[in-house]
Amino acid sequence: MSSAKKFSSKMDESVLNELREYAHEENRDISSLLTEAVRDLLNKKRIKPIFQKVSDEAFEEFDEALKELAK
């Protein structure tokens, strides 16, 4: 398991208030919610280029078959 590192940042006050409320409702701490949100964001941003590369390769590999199916 990785160790947590403390850091500071700024956030819009209304968003922070919503985050605090949500953390309270879910009985979680803000740190775990931020970690989850950032992990989700990074995964989302990384998947797009990978998906694009794989789909481009598939279209190249199956170009002729796709043309036949499109007829």
PDB file of N, CA and C in Angstrom:
ATOM      1  N   MET A   1       0.843  -1.177   0.000  1.00  0.00           N
ATOM      2  CA  MET A   1       0.000   0.000   0.000  1.00  0.00           C
ATOM      3  C   MET A   1       0.886   1.237   0.000  1.00  0.00           C
ATOM      4  N   SER A   2       0.529   2.239  -0.778  1.00  0.00           N
ATOM      5  CA  SER A   2       1.332   3.455  -0.838  1.00  0.00           C
ATOM      6  C   SER A   2       1.050   4.328   0.369  1.00  0.00           C
ATOM      7  N   SER A   3       2.037   5.138   0.699  1.00  0.00           N
ATOM      8  CA  SER A   3       1.845   6.043   1.832  1.00  0.00           C
ATOM      9  C   SER A   3       1.274   7.365   1.343  1.00  0.00           C
ATOM     10  N   ALA A   4       0.496   7.992   2.194  1.00  0.00           N
ATOM     11  CA  ALA A   4      -0.130   9.264   1.847  1.00  0.00           C
ATOM     12  C   ALA A   4       0.862  10.393   2.086  1.00  0.00           C
ATOM     13  N   LYS A   5       0.834  11.373   1.203  1.00  0.00           N
ATOM     14  CA  LYS A   5       1.666  12.568   1.323  1.00  0.00           C
ATOM     15  C   LYS A   5       0.754  13.764   1.544  1.00  0.00           C
ATOM     16  N   LYS A   6       1.101  14.600   2.465  1.00  0.00           N
ATOM     17  CA  LYS A   6       0.316  15.791   2.752  1.00  0.00           C
ATOM     18  C   LYS A   6       0.712  16.900   1.779  1.00  0.00           C
ATOM     19  N   PHE A   7      -0.284  17.630   1.274  1.00  0.00           N
ATOM     20  CA  PHE A   7      -0.042  18.780   0.408  1.00  0.00           C
ATOM     21  C   PHE A   7      -1.176  19.771   0.631  1.00  0.00           C
ATOM     22  N   SER A   8      -1.012  20.958   0.121  1.00  0.00           N
ATOM     23  CA  SER A   8      -2.095  21.938   0.243  1.00  0.00           C
ATOM     24  C   SER A   8      -2.477  22.431  -1.141  1.00  0.00           C
ATOM     25  N   SER A   9      -3.704  22.879  -1.239  1.00  0.00           N
ATOM     26  CA  SER A   9      -4.215  23.380  -2.502  1.00  0.00           C
ATOM     27  C   SER A   9      -5.341  24.354  -2.213  1.00  0.00           C
ATOM     28  N   LYS A  10      -5.851  24.977  -3.251  1.00  0.00           N
ATOM     29  CA  LYS A  10      -6.981  25.882  -3.123  1.00  0.00           C
ATOM     30  C   LYS A  10      -8.135  25.336  -3.936  1.00  0.00           C
ATOM     31  N   MET A  11      -9.352  25.645  -3.470  1.00  0.00           N
ATOM     32  CA  MET A  11     -10.555  25.172  -4.136  1.00  0.00           C
ATOM     33  C   MET A  11     -11.637  26.224  -3.943  1.00  0.00           C
ATOM     34  N   ASP A  12     -12.500  26.332  -4.930  1.00  0.00           N
ATOM     35  CA  ASP A  12     -13.642  27.234  -4.812  1.00  0.00           C
ATOM     36  C   ASP A  12     -14.389  26.916  -3.512  1.00  0.00           C
ATOM     37  N   GLU A  13     -14.732  27.942  -2.768  1.00  0.00           N
ATOM     38  CA  GLU A  13     -15.338  27.747  -1.445  1.00  0.00           C
ATOM     39  C   GLU A  13     -16.644  26.950  -1.498  1.00  0.00           C
ATOM     40  N   SER A  14     -17.474  27.232  -2.488  1.00  0.00           N
ATOM     41  CA  SER A  14     -18.746  26.510  -2.568  1.00  0.00           C
ATOM     42  C   SER A  14     -18.532  25.029  -2.891  1.00  0.00           C
ATOM     43  N   VAL A  15     -17.540  24.740  -3.728  1.00  0.00           N
ATOM     44  CA  VAL A  15     -17.225  23.342  -4.045  1.00  0.00           C
ATOM     45  C   VAL A  15     -16.685  22.640  -2.800  1.00  0.00           C
ATOM     46  N   LEU A  16     -15.837  23.319  -2.068  1.00  0.00           N
ATOM     47  CA  LEU A  16     -15.286  22.744  -0.841  1.00  0.00           C
ATOM     48  C   LEU A  16     -16.400  22.460   0.168  1.00  0.00           C
ATOM     49  N   ASN A  17     -17.348  23.368   0.287  1.00  0.00           N
ATOM     50  CA  ASN A  17     -18.470  23.140   1.200  1.00  0.00           C
ATOM     51  C   ASN A  17     -19.285  21.921   0.779  1.00  0.00           C
ATOM     52  N   GLU A  18     -19.526  21.785  -0.533  1.00  0.00           N
ATOM     53  CA  GLU A  18     -20.236  20.600  -1.029  1.00  0.00           C
ATOM     54  C   GLU A  18     -19.447  19.331  -0.750  1.00  0.00           C
ATOM     55  N   LEU A  19     -18.139  19.407  -0.934  1.00  0.00           N
ATOM     56  CA  LEU A  19     -17.277  18.254  -0.674  1.00  0.00           C
ATOM     57  C   LEU A  19     -17.343  17.855   0.793  1.00  0.00           C
ATOM     58  N   ARG A  20     -17.294  18.824   1.678  1.00  0.00           N
ATOM     59  CA  ARG A  20     -17.392  18.536   3.117  1.00  0.00           C
ATOM     60  C   ARG A  20     -18.724  17.876   3.454  1.00  0.00           C
ATOM     61  N   GLU A  21     -19.796  18.417   2.891  1.00  0.00           N
ATOM     62  CA  GLU A  21     -21.123  17.834   3.136  1.00  0.00           C
ATOM     63  C   GLU A  21     -21.182  16.395   2.629  1.00  0.00           C
ATOM     64  N   TYR A  22     -20.681  16.182   1.421  1.00  0.00           N
ATOM     65  CA  TYR A  22     -20.705  14.843   0.834  1.00  0.00           C
ATOM     66  C   TYR A  22     -19.875  13.874   1.670  1.00  0.00           C
ATOM     67  N   ALA A  23     -18.703  14.310   2.094  1.00  0.00           N
ATOM     68  CA  ALA A  23     -17.842  13.456   2.918  1.00  0.00           C
ATOM     69  C   ALA A  23     -18.568  13.072   4.211  1.00  0.00           C
ATOM     70  N   HIS A  24     -19.251  14.020   4.805  1.00  0.00           N
ATOM     71  CA  HIS A  24     -20.003  13.747   6.032  1.00  0.00           C
ATOM     72  C   HIS A  24     -21.131  12.745   5.761  1.00  0.00           C
ATOM     73  N   GLU A  25     -21.870  12.965   4.683  1.00  0.00           N
ATOM     74  CA  GLU A  25     -22.977  12.064   4.328  1.00  0.00           C
ATOM     75  C   GLU A  25     -22.497  10.638   4.077  1.00  0.00           C
ATOM     76  N   GLU A  26     -21.335  10.502   3.468  1.00  0.00           N
ATOM     77  CA  GLU A  26     -20.781   9.190   3.121  1.00  0.00           C
ATOM     78  C   GLU A  26     -19.910   8.595   4.226  1.00  0.00           C
ATOM     79  N   ASN A  27     -19.751   9.360   5.305  1.00  0.00           N
ATOM     80  CA  ASN A  27     -18.908   8.936   6.417  1.00  0.00           C
ATOM     81  C   ASN A  27     -17.483   8.614   5.942  1.00  0.00           C
ATOM     82  N   ARG A  28     -16.957   9.507   5.117  1.00  0.00           N
ATOM     83  CA  ARG A  28     -15.599   9.371   4.585  1.00  0.00           C
ATOM     84  C   ARG A  28     -14.856  10.661   4.839  1.00  0.00           C
ATOM     85  N   ASP A  29     -13.543  10.589   4.772  1.00  0.00           N
ATOM     86  CA  ASP A  29     -12.780  11.824   4.912  1.00  0.00           C
ATOM     87  C   ASP A  29     -12.529  12.438   3.539  1.00  0.00           C
ATOM     88  N   ILE A  30     -12.270  13.728   3.551  1.00  0.00           N
ATOM     89  CA  ILE A  30     -12.067  14.461   2.302  1.00  0.00           C
ATOM     90  C   ILE A  30     -10.875  13.902   1.531  1.00  0.00           C
ATOM     91  N   SER A  31      -9.846  13.494   2.246  1.00  0.00           N
ATOM     92  CA  SER A  31      -8.652  12.962   1.602  1.00  0.00           C
ATOM     93  C   SER A  31      -8.970  11.745   0.732  1.00  0.00           C
ATOM     94  N   SER A  32      -9.781  10.832   1.248  1.00  0.00           N
ATOM     95  CA  SER A  32     -10.099   9.638   0.457  1.00  0.00           C
ATOM     96  C   SER A  32     -10.944   9.994  -0.757  1.00  0.00           C
ATOM     97  N   LEU A  33     -11.835  10.977  -0.609  1.00  0.00           N
ATOM     98  CA  LEU A  33     -12.641  11.410  -1.754  1.00  0.00           C
ATOM     99  C   LEU A  33     -11.779  12.076  -2.816  1.00  0.00           C
ATOM    100  N   LEU A  34     -10.849  12.917  -2.394  1.00  0.00           N
ATOM    101  CA  LEU A  34      -9.957  13.577  -3.357  1.00  0.00           C
ATOM    102  C   LEU A  34      -9.057  12.568  -4.061  1.00  0.00           C
ATOM    103  N   THR A  35      -8.555  11.600  -3.320  1.00  0.00           N
ATOM    104  CA  THR A  35      -7.719  10.564  -3.930  1.00  0.00           C
ATOM    105  C   THR A  35      -8.508   9.804  -4.985  1.00  0.00           C
ATOM    106  N   GLU A  36      -9.739   9.420  -4.650  1.00  0.00           N
ATOM    107  CA  GLU A  36     -10.588   8.704  -5.603  1.00  0.00           C
ATOM    108  C   GLU A  36     -10.881   9.558  -6.831  1.00  0.00           C
ATOM    109  N   ALA A  37     -11.201  10.829  -6.614  1.00  0.00           N
ATOM    110  CA  ALA A  37     -11.543  11.716  -7.734  1.00  0.00           C
ATOM    111  C   ALA A  37     -10.350  11.933  -8.663  1.00  0.00           C
ATOM    112  N   VAL A  38      -9.190  12.142  -8.092  1.00  0.00           N
ATOM    113  CA  VAL A  38      -7.996  12.367  -8.919  1.00  0.00           C
ATOM    114  C   VAL A  38      -7.619  11.091  -9.659  1.00  0.00           C
ATOM    115  N   ARG A  39      -7.734   9.947  -8.987  1.00  0.00           N
ATOM    116  CA  ARG A  39      -7.440   8.670  -9.653  1.00  0.00           C
ATOM    117  C   ARG A  39      -8.392   8.463 -10.839  1.00  0.00           C
ATOM    118  N   ASP A  40      -9.688   8.738 -10.629  1.00  0.00           N
ATOM    119  CA  ASP A  40     -10.665   8.613 -11.713  1.00  0.00           C
ATOM    120  C   ASP A  40     -10.336   9.551 -12.874  1.00  0.00           C
ATOM    121  N   LEU A  41      -9.960  10.781 -12.561  1.00  0.00           N
ATOM    122  CA  LEU A  41      -9.598  11.751 -13.601  1.00  0.00           C
ATOM    123  C   LEU A  41      -8.394  11.278 -14.401  1.00  0.00           C
ATOM    124  N   LEU A  42      -7.366  10.824 -13.707  1.00  0.00           N
ATOM    125  CA  LEU A  42      -6.157  10.358 -14.400  1.00  0.00           C
ATOM    126  C   LEU A  42      -6.457   9.153 -15.273  1.00  0.00           C
ATOM    127  N   ASN A  43      -7.237   8.215 -14.761  1.00  0.00           N
ATOM    128  CA  ASN A  43      -7.609   7.044 -15.565  1.00  0.00           C
ATOM    129  C   ASN A  43      -8.397   7.461 -16.793  1.00  0.00           C
ATOM    130  N   LYS A  44      -9.308   8.375 -16.623  1.00  0.00           N
ATOM    131  CA  LYS A  44     -10.125   8.861 -17.744  1.00  0.00           C
ATOM    132  C   LYS A  44      -9.241   9.499 -18.816  1.00  0.00           C
ATOM    133  N   LYS A  45      -8.299  10.319 -18.403  1.00  0.00           N
ATOM    134  CA  LYS A  45      -7.427  11.012 -19.353  1.00  0.00           C
ATOM    135  C   LYS A  45      -6.464  10.056 -20.043  1.00  0.00           C
ATOM    136  N   ARG A  46      -6.070   8.997 -19.360  1.00  0.00           N
ATOM    137  CA  ARG A  46      -5.126   8.040 -19.941  1.00  0.00           C
ATOM    138  C   ARG A  46      -5.807   7.066 -20.882  1.00  0.00           C
ATOM    139  N   ILE A  47      -7.043   6.742 -20.651  1.00  0.00           N
ATOM    140  CA  ILE A  47      -7.751   5.757 -21.463  1.00  0.00           C
ATOM    141  C   ILE A  47      -7.985   6.269 -22.877  1.00  0.00           C
ATOM    142  N   LYS A  48      -8.291   7.539 -23.041  1.00  0.00           N
ATOM    143  CA  LYS A  48      -8.599   8.076 -24.367  1.00  0.00           C
ATOM    144  C   LYS A  48      -7.484   7.831 -25.375  1.00  0.00           C
ATOM    145  N   PRO A  49      -6.243   8.200 -25.080  1.00  0.00           N
ATOM    146  CA  PRO A  49      -5.180   7.938 -26.068  1.00  0.00           C
ATOM    147  C   PRO A  49      -4.970   6.451 -26.324  1.00  0.00           C
ATOM    148  N   ILE A  50      -5.069   5.639 -25.284  1.00  0.00           N
ATOM    149  CA  ILE A  50      -4.894   4.198 -25.459  1.00  0.00           C
ATOM    150  C   ILE A  50      -6.005   3.643 -26.330  1.00  0.00           C
ATOM    151  N   PHE A  51      -7.255   4.037 -26.054  1.00  0.00           N
ATOM    152  CA  PHE A  51      -8.388   3.571 -26.847  1.00  0.00           C
ATOM    153  C   PHE A  51      -8.238   4.016 -28.297  1.00  0.00           C
ATOM    154  N   GLN A  52      -7.827   5.254 -28.505  1.00  0.00           N
ATOM    155  CA  GLN A  52      -7.658   5.765 -29.873  1.00  0.00           C
ATOM    156  C   GLN A  52      -6.618   4.949 -30.624  1.00  0.00           C
ATOM    157  N   LYS A  53      -5.507   4.658 -29.971  1.00  0.00           N
ATOM    158  CA  LYS A  53      -4.440   3.880 -30.613  1.00  0.00           C
ATOM    159  C   LYS A  53      -4.936   2.484 -30.987  1.00  0.00           C
ATOM    160  N   VAL A  54      -5.608   1.826 -30.049  1.00  0.00           N
ATOM    161  CA  VAL A  54      -6.091   0.469 -30.292  1.00  0.00           C
ATOM    162  C   VAL A  54      -7.162   0.466 -31.379  1.00  0.00           C
ATOM    163  N   SER A  55      -8.078   1.436 -31.353  1.00  0.00           N
ATOM    164  CA  SER A  55      -9.122   1.459 -32.383  1.00  0.00           C
ATOM    165  C   SER A  55      -8.533   1.775 -33.756  1.00  0.00           C
ATOM    166  N   ASP A  56      -7.536   2.650 -33.818  1.00  0.00           N
ATOM    167  CA  ASP A  56      -6.868   2.925 -35.093  1.00  0.00           C
ATOM    168  C   ASP A  56      -6.214   1.661 -35.646  1.00  0.00           C
ATOM    169  N   GLU A  57      -5.554   0.914 -34.769  1.00  0.00           N
ATOM    170  CA  GLU A  57      -4.900  -0.326 -35.190  1.00  0.00           C
ATOM    171  C   GLU A  57      -5.933  -1.344 -35.692  1.00  0.00           C
ATOM    172  N   ALA A  58      -7.071  -1.419 -34.994  1.00  0.00           N
ATOM    173  CA  ALA A  58      -8.115  -2.365 -35.406  1.00  0.00           C
ATOM    174  C   ALA A  58      -8.695  -1.976 -36.759  1.00  0.00           C
ATOM    175  N   PHE A  59      -8.935  -0.689 -36.968  1.00  0.00           N
ATOM    176  CA  PHE A  59      -9.475  -0.249 -38.260  1.00  0.00           C
ATOM    177  C   PHE A  59      -8.489  -0.520 -39.389  1.00  0.00           C
ATOM    178  N   GLU A  60      -7.205  -0.348 -39.113  1.00  0.00           N
ATOM    179  CA  GLU A  60      -6.203  -0.660 -40.129  1.00  0.00           C
ATOM    180  C   GLU A  60      -6.169  -2.152 -40.423  1.00  0.00           C
ATOM    181  N   GLU A  61      -6.193  -2.962 -39.371  1.00  0.00           N
ATOM    182  CA  GLU A  61      -6.102  -4.416 -39.538  1.00  0.00           C
ATOM    183  C   GLU A  61      -7.327  -4.987 -40.248  1.00  0.00           C
ATOM    184  N   PHE A  62      -8.494  -4.471 -39.951  1.00  0.00           N
ATOM    185  CA  PHE A  62      -9.734  -5.017 -40.501  1.00  0.00           C
ATOM    186  C   PHE A  62     -10.376  -4.116 -41.544  1.00  0.00           C
ATOM    187  N   ASP A  63      -9.573  -3.274 -42.165  1.00  0.00           N
ATOM    188  CA  ASP A  63     -10.070  -2.305 -43.137  1.00  0.00           C
ATOM    189  C   ASP A  63     -10.903  -2.957 -44.245  1.00  0.00           C
ATOM    190  N   GLU A  64     -10.369  -3.986 -44.863  1.00  0.00           N
ATOM    191  CA  GLU A  64     -11.074  -4.644 -45.968  1.00  0.00           C
ATOM    192  C   GLU A  64     -12.383  -5.285 -45.490  1.00  0.00           C
ATOM    193  N   ALA A  65     -12.342  -5.945 -44.357  1.00  0.00           N
ATOM    194  CA  ALA A  65     -13.564  -6.597 -43.842  1.00  0.00           C
ATOM    195  C   ALA A  65     -14.631  -5.557 -43.516  1.00  0.00           C
ATOM    196  N   LEU A  66     -14.206  -4.434 -42.952  1.00  0.00           N
ATOM    197  CA  LEU A  66     -15.170  -3.373 -42.624  1.00  0.00           C
ATOM    198  C   LEU A  66     -15.786  -2.765 -43.875  1.00  0.00           C
ATOM    199  N   LYS A  67     -14.991  -2.631 -44.918  1.00  0.00           N
ATOM    200  CA  LYS A  67     -15.523  -2.114 -46.184  1.00  0.00           C
ATOM    201  C   LYS A  67     -16.573  -3.071 -46.749  1.00  0.00           C
ATOM    202  N   GLU A  68     -16.309  -4.381 -46.666  1.00  0.00           N
ATOM    203  CA  GLU A  68     -17.264  -5.370 -47.145  1.00  0.00           C
ATOM    204  C   GLU A  68     -18.548  -5.339 -46.332  1.00  0.00           C
ATOM    205  N   LEU A  69     -18.413  -5.221 -45.031  1.00  0.00           N
ATOM    206  CA  LEU A  69     -19.594  -5.179 -44.168  1.00  0.00           C
ATOM    207  C   LEU A  69     -20.426  -3.917 -44.411  1.00  0.00           C
ATOM    208  N   ALA A  70     -19.783  -2.845 -44.801  1.00  0.00           N
ATOM    209  CA  ALA A  70     -20.479  -1.582 -45.019  1.00  0.00           C
ATOM    210  C   ALA A  70     -21.314  -1.584 -46.297  1.00  0.00           C
ATOM    211  N   LYS A  71     -21.073  -2.543 -47.197  1.00  0.00           N
ATOM    212  CA  LYS A  71     -21.796  -2.597 -48.467  1.00  0.00           C
ATOM    213  C   LYS A  71     -23.251  -2.946 -48.275  1.00  0.00           C
TER     214      LYS A  71
END
